[in-house]
C-alpha atoms as a PDB file:
ATOM      1  CA  MET A   1      85.874  45.843 -36.779  1.00  0.00           C
ATOM      2  CA  ASN A   2      85.021  42.162 -36.874  1.00  0.00           C
ATOM      3  CA  GLU A   3      83.852  40.946 -40.302  1.00  0.00           C
ATOM      4  CA  LEU A   4      80.718  39.424 -38.712  1.00  0.00           C
ATOM      5  CA  GLU A   5      79.754  42.798 -37.203  1.00  0.00           C
ATOM      6  CA  SER A   6      79.529  44.362 -40.658  1.00  0.00           C
ATOM      7  CA  ALA A   7      78.049  41.310 -42.404  1.00  0.00           C
ATOM      8  CA  VAL A   8      74.930  41.601 -44.516  1.00  0.00           C
ATOM      9  CA  TRP A   9      72.559  38.856 -43.348  1.00  0.00           C
ATOM     10  CA  PHE A  10      69.910  37.158 -45.495  1.00  0.00           C
ATOM     11  CA  LYS A  11      67.049  34.824 -44.635  1.00  0.00           C
ATOM     12  CA  SER A  12      64.711  32.828 -46.795  1.00  0.00           C
ATOM     13  CA  SER A  13      61.924  34.667 -48.548  1.00  0.00           C
ATOM     14  CA  ARG A  14      59.730  31.829 -47.290  1.00  0.00           C
ATOM     15  CA  SER A  15      60.226  32.900 -43.677  1.00  0.00           C
ATOM     16  CA  ASN A  16      57.131  35.154 -43.855  1.00  0.00           C
ATOM     17  CA  GLY A  17      58.767  37.675 -41.529  1.00  0.00           C
ATOM     18  CA  GLN A  18      58.965  35.176 -38.677  1.00  0.00           C
ATOM     19  CA  ALA A  19      61.846  35.312 -36.210  1.00  0.00           C
ATOM     20  CA  GLU A  20      62.411  31.568 -36.251  1.00  0.00           C
ATOM     21  CA  CYS A  21      64.803  31.290 -39.155  1.00  0.00           C
ATOM     22  CA  VAL A  22      68.413  30.791 -40.005  1.00  0.00           C
ATOM     23  CA  GLU A  23      70.200  33.766 -41.507  1.00  0.00           C
ATOM     24  CA  VAL A  24      73.180  33.489 -43.838  1.00  0.00           C
ATOM     25  CA  ALA A  25      75.996  35.932 -44.590  1.00  0.00           C
ATOM     26  CA  PHE A  26      78.435  35.438 -47.448  1.00  0.00           C
ATOM     27  CA  LEU A  27      81.794  36.755 -46.252  1.00  0.00           C
ATOM     28  CA  ALA A  28      85.214  36.923 -47.921  1.00  0.00           C
ATOM     29  CA  ASP A  29      86.329  33.362 -47.132  1.00  0.00           C
ATOM     30  CA  VAL A  30      83.396  31.749 -45.321  1.00  0.00           C
ATOM     31  CA  VAL A  31      79.634  31.454 -45.208  1.00  0.00           C
ATOM     32  CA  ALA A  32      78.289  32.359 -41.765  1.00  0.00           C
ATOM     33  CA  THR A  33      74.959  31.266 -40.289  1.00  0.00           C
ATOM     34  CA  ARG A  34      73.023  32.364 -37.209  1.00  0.00           C
ATOM     35  CA  ASP A  35      69.656  31.890 -35.530  1.00  0.00           C
ATOM     36  CA  THR A  36      67.318  34.889 -35.807  1.00  0.00           C
ATOM     37  CA  LYS A  37      65.882  34.195 -32.337  1.00  0.00           C
ATOM     38  CA  ASP A  38      69.265  34.696 -30.681  1.00  0.00           C
ATOM     39  CA  ARG A  39      71.570  36.731 -32.879  1.00  0.00           C
ATOM     40  CA  ASP A  40      74.095  37.257 -30.081  1.00  0.00           C
ATOM     41  CA  ARG A  41      74.892  33.563 -29.741  1.00  0.00           C
ATOM     42  CA  ALA A  42      77.706  31.810 -31.521  1.00  0.00           C
ATOM     43  CA  THR A  43      77.675  31.910 -35.297  1.00  0.00           C
ATOM     44  CA  LEU A  44      78.516  28.816 -37.312  1.00  0.00           C
ATOM     45  CA  VAL A  45      80.846  29.298 -40.261  1.00  0.00           C
ATOM     46  CA  PHE A  46      81.474  27.029 -43.214  1.00  0.00           C
ATOM     47  CA  ALA A  47      83.885  26.947 -46.113  1.00  0.00           C
ATOM     48  CA  PRO A  48      82.071  27.913 -49.327  1.00  0.00           C
ATOM     49  CA  GLN A  49      82.471  24.347 -50.632  1.00  0.00           C
ATOM     50  CA  GLN A  50      80.871  22.925 -47.486  1.00  0.00           C
ATOM     51  CA  TRP A  51      77.950  25.341 -47.764  1.00  0.00           C
ATOM     52  CA  GLN A  52      77.409  24.463 -51.430  1.00  0.00           C
ATOM     53  CA  ALA A  53      77.443  20.742 -50.591  1.00  0.00           C
ATOM     54  CA  PHE A  54      74.797  21.338 -47.910  1.00  0.00           C
ATOM     55  CA  VAL A  55      72.576  23.419 -50.221  1.00  0.00           C
ATOM     56  CA  THR A  56      72.873  20.823 -53.000  1.00  0.00           C
ATOM     57  CA  SER A  57      72.020  17.967 -50.622  1.00  0.00           C
ATOM     58  CA  ALA A  58      69.022  19.861 -49.248  1.00  0.00           C
ATOM     59  CA  ALA A  59      67.753  20.599 -52.757  1.00  0.00           C
ATOM     60  CA  GLN A  60      68.053  16.911 -53.607  1.00  0.00           C
ATOM     61  CA  GLY A  61      65.892  16.000 -50.603  1.00  0.00           C
ATOM     62  CA  HIS A  62      68.602  14.293 -48.551  1.00  0.00           C
ATOM     63  CA  PHE A  63      67.271  15.824 -45.316  1.00  0.00           C
ATOM     64  CA  ASP A  64      63.543  15.410 -45.946  1.00  0.00           C
ATOM     65  CA  ASP A  65      63.176  12.493 -43.512  1.00  0.00           C
ATOM     66  CA  MET A  66      64.827  14.276 -40.598  1.00  0.00           C
END
């Protein structure tokens, strides 16, 4: 079985149950992301260090003007 098939997916508690979110799964060696509107499409994966850098940058407001 593919590791993504058995992944436990999480989405933000701020999503209010909407289906327009990004879900995240923390796997053995990567962090996977997918779009809740189209879960069968390609999943993006990141090294844990890359994911942490993204989360830190977002928390610091680096993407607020996008």
